Amino acid sequence: MLNKQLQAFNYDLRATIEARFRELPNDVLLPAAIQNLKKSLTEYVDQRLPGTPSNKPSVNGQPGPAPSQP
């Protein structure tokens, strides 16, 4: 049960990171430092929490579908 909660939290956290970066103006997203920050944040989430959706293919930079939960 706890593992599924962590997986759900991980997915939600990654989705939030992706959404926040999508909200930024394009000129803000251009610098390599911003791209590195985004990559570092998602990698940190992947390393700290099990069941990362990063193993699923992404579409247009968006995470794959949420893990199914019974």
PDB file of N, CA and C in Angstrom:
ATOM      1  N   MET A   1       0.833  -1.190   0.000  1.00  0.00           N
ATOM      2  CA  MET A   1       0.000   0.000   0.000  1.00  0.00           C
ATOM      3  C   MET A   1       0.878   1.254   0.000  1.00  0.00           C
ATOM      4  N   LEU A   2       1.895   1.265   0.840  1.00  0.00           N
ATOM      5  CA  LEU A   2       2.773   2.430   0.932  1.00  0.00           C
ATOM      6  C   LEU A   2       3.509   2.655  -0.385  1.00  0.00           C
ATOM      7  N   ASN A   3       3.956   1.574  -1.028  1.00  0.00           N
ATOM      8  CA  ASN A   3       4.661   1.700  -2.295  1.00  0.00           C
ATOM      9  C   ASN A   3       3.766   2.354  -3.349  1.00  0.00           C
ATOM     10  N   LYS A   4       2.496   1.988  -3.387  1.00  0.00           N
ATOM     11  CA  LYS A   4       1.567   2.589  -4.353  1.00  0.00           C
ATOM     12  C   LYS A   4       1.353   4.067  -4.045  1.00  0.00           C
ATOM     13  N   GLN A   5       1.336   4.414  -2.763  1.00  0.00           N
ATOM     14  CA  GLN A   5       1.199   5.821  -2.395  1.00  0.00           C
ATOM     15  C   GLN A   5       2.431   6.607  -2.828  1.00  0.00           C
ATOM     16  N   LEU A   6       3.606   6.015  -2.648  1.00  0.00           N
ATOM     17  CA  LEU A   6       4.839   6.672  -3.074  1.00  0.00           C
ATOM     18  C   LEU A   6       4.877   6.817  -4.591  1.00  0.00           C
ATOM     19  N   GLN A   7       4.423   5.803  -5.296  1.00  0.00           N
ATOM     20  CA  GLN A   7       4.379   5.881  -6.748  1.00  0.00           C
ATOM     21  C   GLN A   7       3.448   7.004  -7.196  1.00  0.00           C
ATOM     22  N   ALA A   8       2.287   7.094  -6.565  1.00  0.00           N
ATOM     23  CA  ALA A   8       1.325   8.150  -6.905  1.00  0.00           C
ATOM     24  C   ALA A   8       1.914   9.520  -6.594  1.00  0.00           C
ATOM     25  N   PHE A   9       2.563   9.644  -5.441  1.00  0.00           N
ATOM     26  CA  PHE A   9       3.195  10.908  -5.072  1.00  0.00           C
ATOM     27  C   PHE A   9       4.277  11.275  -6.079  1.00  0.00           C
ATOM     28  N   ASN A  10       5.086  10.294  -6.453  1.00  0.00           N
ATOM     29  CA  ASN A  10       6.155  10.517  -7.413  1.00  0.00           C
ATOM     30  C   ASN A  10       5.588  11.011  -8.736  1.00  0.00           C
ATOM     31  N   TYR A  11       4.558  10.357  -9.212  1.00  0.00           N
ATOM     32  CA  TYR A  11       3.943  10.769 -10.473  1.00  0.00           C
ATOM     33  C   TYR A  11       3.405  12.199 -10.365  1.00  0.00           C
ATOM     34  N   ASP A  12       2.706  12.485  -9.274  1.00  0.00           N
ATOM     35  CA  ASP A  12       2.141  13.824  -9.082  1.00  0.00           C
ATOM     36  C   ASP A  12       3.237  14.883  -9.001  1.00  0.00           C
ATOM     37  N   LEU A  13       4.323  14.568  -8.319  1.00  0.00           N
ATOM     38  CA  LEU A  13       5.425  15.515  -8.193  1.00  0.00           C
ATOM     39  C   LEU A  13       6.055  15.791  -9.553  1.00  0.00           C
ATOM     40  N   ARG A  14       6.294  14.746 -10.309  1.00  0.00           N
ATOM     41  CA  ARG A  14       6.852  14.919 -11.662  1.00  0.00           C
ATOM     42  C   ARG A  14       5.909  15.712 -12.549  1.00  0.00           C
ATOM     43  N   ALA A  15       4.611  15.416 -12.468  1.00  0.00           N
ATOM     44  CA  ALA A  15       3.625  16.137 -13.274  1.00  0.00           C
ATOM     45  C   ALA A  15       3.607  17.621 -12.903  1.00  0.00           C
ATOM     46  N   THR A  16       3.742  17.916 -11.618  1.00  0.00           N
ATOM     47  CA  THR A  16       3.768  19.304 -11.166  1.00  0.00           C
ATOM     48  C   THR A  16       5.001  20.024 -11.698  1.00  0.00           C
ATOM     49  N   ILE A  17       6.147  19.365 -11.642  1.00  0.00           N
ATOM     50  CA  ILE A  17       7.378  19.957 -12.169  1.00  0.00           C
ATOM     51  C   ILE A  17       7.205  20.259 -13.658  1.00  0.00           C
ATOM     52  N   GLU A  18       6.704  19.287 -14.407  1.00  0.00           N
ATOM     53  CA  GLU A  18       6.490  19.482 -15.842  1.00  0.00           C
ATOM     54  C   GLU A  18       5.526  20.635 -16.097  1.00  0.00           C
ATOM     55  N   ALA A  19       4.437  20.687 -15.353  1.00  0.00           N
ATOM     56  CA  ALA A  19       3.432  21.742 -15.547  1.00  0.00           C
ATOM     57  C   ALA A  19       4.014  23.116 -15.263  1.00  0.00           C
ATOM     58  N   ARG A  20       4.786  23.234 -14.200  1.00  0.00           N
ATOM     59  CA  ARG A  20       5.368  24.536 -13.844  1.00  0.00           C
ATOM     60  C   ARG A  20       6.338  25.017 -14.919  1.00  0.00           C
ATOM     61  N   PHE A  21       7.118  24.109 -15.467  1.00  0.00           N
ATOM     62  CA  PHE A  21       8.046  24.510 -16.518  1.00  0.00           C
ATOM     63  C   PHE A  21       7.300  24.869 -17.803  1.00  0.00           C
ATOM     64  N   ARG A  22       6.193  24.184 -18.096  1.00  0.00           N
ATOM     65  CA  ARG A  22       5.399  24.528 -19.276  1.00  0.00           C
ATOM     66  C   ARG A  22       4.776  25.914 -19.148  1.00  0.00           C
ATOM     67  N   GLU A  23       4.525  26.364 -17.927  1.00  0.00           N
ATOM     68  CA  GLU A  23       3.921  27.676 -17.700  1.00  0.00           C
ATOM     69  C   GLU A  23       4.894  28.824 -17.945  1.00  0.00           C
ATOM     70  N   LEU A  24       6.178  28.536 -17.942  1.00  0.00           N
ATOM     71  CA  LEU A  24       7.181  29.587 -18.136  1.00  0.00           C
ATOM     72  C   LEU A  24       7.194  30.056 -19.589  1.00  0.00           C
ATOM     73  N   PRO A  25       7.456  31.326 -19.817  1.00  0.00           N
ATOM     74  CA  PRO A  25       7.587  31.834 -21.196  1.00  0.00           C
ATOM     75  C   PRO A  25       8.756  31.145 -21.907  1.00  0.00           C
ATOM     76  N   ASN A  26       8.637  31.010 -23.207  1.00  0.00           N
ATOM     77  CA  ASN A  26       9.672  30.320 -23.986  1.00  0.00           C
ATOM     78  C   ASN A  26      11.053  30.932 -23.822  1.00  0.00           C
ATOM     79  N   ASP A  27      11.130  32.255 -23.734  1.00  0.00           N
ATOM     80  CA  ASP A  27      12.450  32.883 -23.611  1.00  0.00           C
ATOM     81  C   ASP A  27      13.118  32.549 -22.278  1.00  0.00           C
ATOM     82  N   VAL A  28      12.327  32.238 -21.268  1.00  0.00           N
ATOM     83  CA  VAL A  28      12.880  31.838 -19.973  1.00  0.00           C
ATOM     84  C   VAL A  28      13.411  30.409 -20.048  1.00  0.00           C
ATOM     85  N   LEU A  29      12.781  29.591 -20.878  1.00  0.00           N
ATOM     86  CA  LEU A  29      13.169  28.183 -20.986  1.00  0.00           C
ATOM     87  C   LEU A  29      14.398  27.950 -21.859  1.00  0.00           C
ATOM     88  N   LEU A  30      14.824  28.946 -22.602  1.00  0.00           N
ATOM     89  CA  LEU A  30      15.935  28.772 -23.542  1.00  0.00           C
ATOM     90  C   LEU A  30      17.296  28.517 -22.901  1.00  0.00           C
ATOM     91  N   PRO A  31      17.655  29.213 -21.837  1.00  0.00           N
ATOM     92  CA  PRO A  31      19.006  29.011 -21.288  1.00  0.00           C
ATOM     93  C   PRO A  31      19.256  27.558 -20.845  1.00  0.00           C
ATOM     94  N   ALA A  32      20.462  27.130 -21.070  1.00  0.00           N
ATOM     95  CA  ALA A  32      20.849  25.765 -20.687  1.00  0.00           C
ATOM     96  C   ALA A  32      20.702  25.552 -19.184  1.00  0.00           C
ATOM     97  N   ALA A  33      20.913  26.598 -18.399  1.00  0.00           N
ATOM     98  CA  ALA A  33      20.800  26.462 -16.946  1.00  0.00           C
ATOM     99  C   ALA A  33      19.383  26.060 -16.543  1.00  0.00           C
ATOM    100  N   ILE A  34      18.384  26.599 -17.213  1.00  0.00           N
ATOM    101  CA  ILE A  34      16.993  26.255 -16.904  1.00  0.00           C
ATOM    102  C   ILE A  34      16.709  24.820 -17.329  1.00  0.00           C
ATOM    103  N   GLN A  35      17.200  24.431 -18.478  1.00  0.00           N
ATOM    104  CA  GLN A  35      17.020  23.050 -18.935  1.00  0.00           C
ATOM    105  C   GLN A  35      17.707  22.072 -17.983  1.00  0.00           C
ATOM    106  N   ASN A  36      18.887  22.447 -17.504  1.00  0.00           N
ATOM    107  CA  ASN A  36      19.601  21.600 -16.546  1.00  0.00           C
ATOM    108  C   ASN A  36      18.858  21.515 -15.219  1.00  0.00           C
ATOM    109  N   LEU A  37      18.256  22.613 -14.798  1.00  0.00           N
ATOM    110  CA  LEU A  37      17.473  22.610 -13.562  1.00  0.00           C
ATOM    111  C   LEU A  37      16.291  21.653 -13.684  1.00  0.00           C
ATOM    112  N   LYS A  38      15.584  21.737 -14.774  1.00  0.00           N
ATOM    113  CA  LYS A  38      14.433  20.847 -14.994  1.00  0.00           C
ATOM    114  C   LYS A  38      14.885  19.377 -14.984  1.00  0.00           C
ATOM    115  N   LYS A  39      15.952  19.102 -15.689  1.00  0.00           N
ATOM    116  CA  LYS A  39      16.476  17.734 -15.742  1.00  0.00           C
ATOM    117  C   LYS A  39      16.906  17.261 -14.354  1.00  0.00           C
ATOM    118  N   SER A  40      17.589  18.124 -13.619  1.00  0.00           N
ATOM    119  CA  SER A  40      18.051  17.769 -12.272  1.00  0.00           C
ATOM    120  C   SER A  40      16.885  17.481 -11.329  1.00  0.00           C
ATOM    121  N   LEU A  41      15.845  18.297 -11.418  1.00  0.00           N
ATOM    122  CA  LEU A  41      14.678  18.086 -10.558  1.00  0.00           C
ATOM    123  C   LEU A  41      14.006  16.743 -10.842  1.00  0.00           C
ATOM    124  N   THR A  42      13.795  16.441 -12.100  1.00  0.00           N
ATOM    125  CA  THR A  42      13.133  15.179 -12.424  1.00  0.00           C
ATOM    126  C   THR A  42      14.029  13.983 -12.086  1.00  0.00           C
ATOM    127  N   GLU A  43      15.322  14.118 -12.295  1.00  0.00           N
ATOM    128  CA  GLU A  43      16.235  13.035 -11.930  1.00  0.00           C
ATOM    129  C   GLU A  43      16.253  12.823 -10.410  1.00  0.00           C
ATOM    130  N   TYR A  44      16.205  13.911  -9.666  1.00  0.00           N
ATOM    131  CA  TYR A  44      16.177  13.804  -8.212  1.00  0.00           C
ATOM    132  C   TYR A  44      14.927  13.043  -7.764  1.00  0.00           C
ATOM    133  N   VAL A  45      13.796  13.388  -8.332  1.00  0.00           N
ATOM    134  CA  VAL A  45      12.548  12.689  -7.993  1.00  0.00           C
ATOM    135  C   VAL A  45      12.683  11.210  -8.341  1.00  0.00           C
ATOM    136  N   ASP A  46      13.221  10.922  -9.511  1.00  0.00           N
ATOM    137  CA  ASP A  46      13.383   9.532  -9.941  1.00  0.00           C
ATOM    138  C   ASP A  46      14.285   8.738  -9.001  1.00  0.00           C
ATOM    139  N   GLN A  47      15.326   9.368  -8.494  1.00  0.00           N
ATOM    140  CA  GLN A  47      16.273   8.670  -7.624  1.00  0.00           C
ATOM    141  C   GLN A  47      15.719   8.461  -6.219  1.00  0.00           C
ATOM    142  N   ARG A  48      14.911   9.373  -5.743  1.00  0.00           N
ATOM    143  CA  ARG A  48      14.443   9.336  -4.356  1.00  0.00           C
ATOM    144  C   ARG A  48      13.181   8.518  -4.141  1.00  0.00           C
ATOM    145  N   LEU A  49      12.368   8.365  -5.160  1.00  0.00           N
ATOM    146  CA  LEU A  49      11.096   7.675  -4.997  1.00  0.00           C
ATOM    147  C   LEU A  49      10.986   6.514  -5.976  1.00  0.00           C
ATOM    148  N   PRO A  50      10.423   5.414  -5.548  1.00  0.00           N
ATOM    149  CA  PRO A  50      10.289   4.251  -6.423  1.00  0.00           C
ATOM    150  C   PRO A  50       9.170   4.443  -7.441  1.00  0.00           C
ATOM    151  N   GLY A  51       9.198   3.634  -8.484  1.00  0.00           N
ATOM    152  CA  GLY A  51       8.111   3.604  -9.441  1.00  0.00           C
ATOM    153  C   GLY A  51       8.000   4.832 -10.304  1.00  0.00           C
ATOM    154  N   THR A  52       9.122   5.321 -10.804  1.00  0.00           N
ATOM    155  CA  THR A  52       9.080   6.544 -11.583  1.00  0.00           C
ATOM    156  C   THR A  52       8.448   6.309 -12.941  1.00  0.00           C
ATOM    157  N   PRO A  53       7.635   7.253 -13.390  1.00  0.00           N
ATOM    158  CA  PRO A  53       7.050   7.118 -14.717  1.00  0.00           C
ATOM    159  C   PRO A  53       8.036   7.458 -15.823  1.00  0.00           C
ATOM    160  N   SER A  54       9.276   7.798 -15.472  1.00  0.00           N
ATOM    161  CA  SER A  54      10.258   8.148 -16.491  1.00  0.00           C
ATOM    162  C   SER A  54      10.595   6.941 -17.365  1.00  0.00           C
ATOM    163  N   ASN A  55      10.300   5.740 -16.898  1.00  0.00           N
ATOM    164  CA  ASN A  55      10.531   4.556 -17.706  1.00  0.00           C
ATOM    165  C   ASN A  55       9.506   4.435 -18.815  1.00  0.00           C
ATOM    166  N   LYS A  56       8.424   5.169 -18.717  1.00  0.00           N
ATOM    167  CA  LYS A  56       7.404   5.161 -19.745  1.00  0.00           C
ATOM    168  C   LYS A  56       7.783   6.200 -20.789  1.00  0.00           C
ATOM    169  N   PRO A  57       7.427   5.951 -22.043  1.00  0.00           N
ATOM    170  CA  PRO A  57       7.781   6.935 -23.070  1.00  0.00           C
ATOM    171  C   PRO A  57       7.080   8.261 -22.832  1.00  0.00           C
ATOM    172  N   SER A  58       7.767   9.342 -23.145  1.00  0.00           N
ATOM    173  CA  SER A  58       7.161  10.659 -22.990  1.00  0.00           C
ATOM    174  C   SER A  58       6.675  11.137 -24.351  1.00  0.00           C
ATOM    175  N   VAL A  59       5.687  12.002 -24.310  1.00  0.00           N
ATOM    176  CA  VAL A  59       5.136  12.570 -25.530  1.00  0.00           C
ATOM    177  C   VAL A  59       5.255  14.078 -25.418  1.00  0.00           C
ATOM    178  N   ASN A  60       5.987  14.690 -26.331  1.00  0.00           N
ATOM    179  CA  ASN A  60       6.167  16.147 -26.329  1.00  0.00           C
ATOM    180  C   ASN A  60       6.693  16.654 -24.997  1.00  0.00           C
ATOM    181  N   GLY A  61       7.601  15.919 -24.377  1.00  0.00           N
ATOM    182  CA  GLY A  61       8.195  16.356 -23.125  1.00  0.00           C
ATOM    183  C   GLY A  61       7.320  16.171 -21.913  1.00  0.00           C
ATOM    184  N   GLN A  62       6.170  15.514 -22.099  1.00  0.00           N
ATOM    185  CA  GLN A  62       5.265  15.293 -20.981  1.00  0.00           C
ATOM    186  C   GLN A  62       5.417  13.861 -20.500  1.00  0.00           C
ATOM    187  N   PRO A  63       5.234  13.633 -19.198  1.00  0.00           N
ATOM    188  CA  PRO A  63       5.403  12.276 -18.688  1.00  0.00           C
ATOM    189  C   PRO A  63       4.362  11.347 -19.257  1.00  0.00           C
ATOM    190  N   GLY A  64       4.678  10.057 -19.230  1.00  0.00           N
ATOM    191  CA  GLY A  64       3.755   9.036 -19.713  1.00  0.00           C
ATOM    192  C   GLY A  64       2.530   8.971 -18.826  1.00  0.00           C
ATOM    193  N   PRO A  65       1.618   8.060 -19.153  1.00  0.00           N
ATOM    194  CA  PRO A  65       0.383   7.963 -18.384  1.00  0.00           C
ATOM    195  C   PRO A  65       0.633   7.566 -16.931  1.00  0.00           C
ATOM    196  N   ALA A  66      -0.303   7.925 -16.094  1.00  0.00           N
ATOM    197  CA  ALA A  66      -0.183   7.602 -14.660  1.00  0.00           C
ATOM    198  C   ALA A  66      -0.246   6.101 -14.479  1.00  0.00           C
ATOM    199  N   PRO A  67       0.469   5.605 -13.470  1.00  0.00           N
ATOM    200  CA  PRO A  67       0.376   4.170 -13.198  1.00  0.00           C
ATOM    201  C   PRO A  67      -1.034   3.826 -12.770  1.00  0.00           C
ATOM    202  N   SER A  68      -1.511   2.669 -13.205  1.00  0.00           N
ATOM    203  CA  SER A  68      -2.861   2.269 -12.842  1.00  0.00           C
ATOM    204  C   SER A  68      -2.902   1.883 -11.371  1.00  0.00           C
ATOM    205  N   GLN A  69      -3.989   2.242 -10.740  1.00  0.00           N
ATOM    206  CA  GLN A  69      -4.135   1.947  -9.323  1.00  0.00           C
ATOM    207  C   GLN A  69      -5.459   1.223  -9.122  1.00  0.00           C
ATOM    208  N   PRO A  70      -5.430   0.069  -8.451  1.00  0.00           N
ATOM    209  CA  PRO A  70      -6.679  -0.679  -8.227  1.00  0.00           C
ATOM    210  C   PRO A  70      -7.578   0.007  -7.235  1.00  0.00           C
TER     211      PRO A  70
END
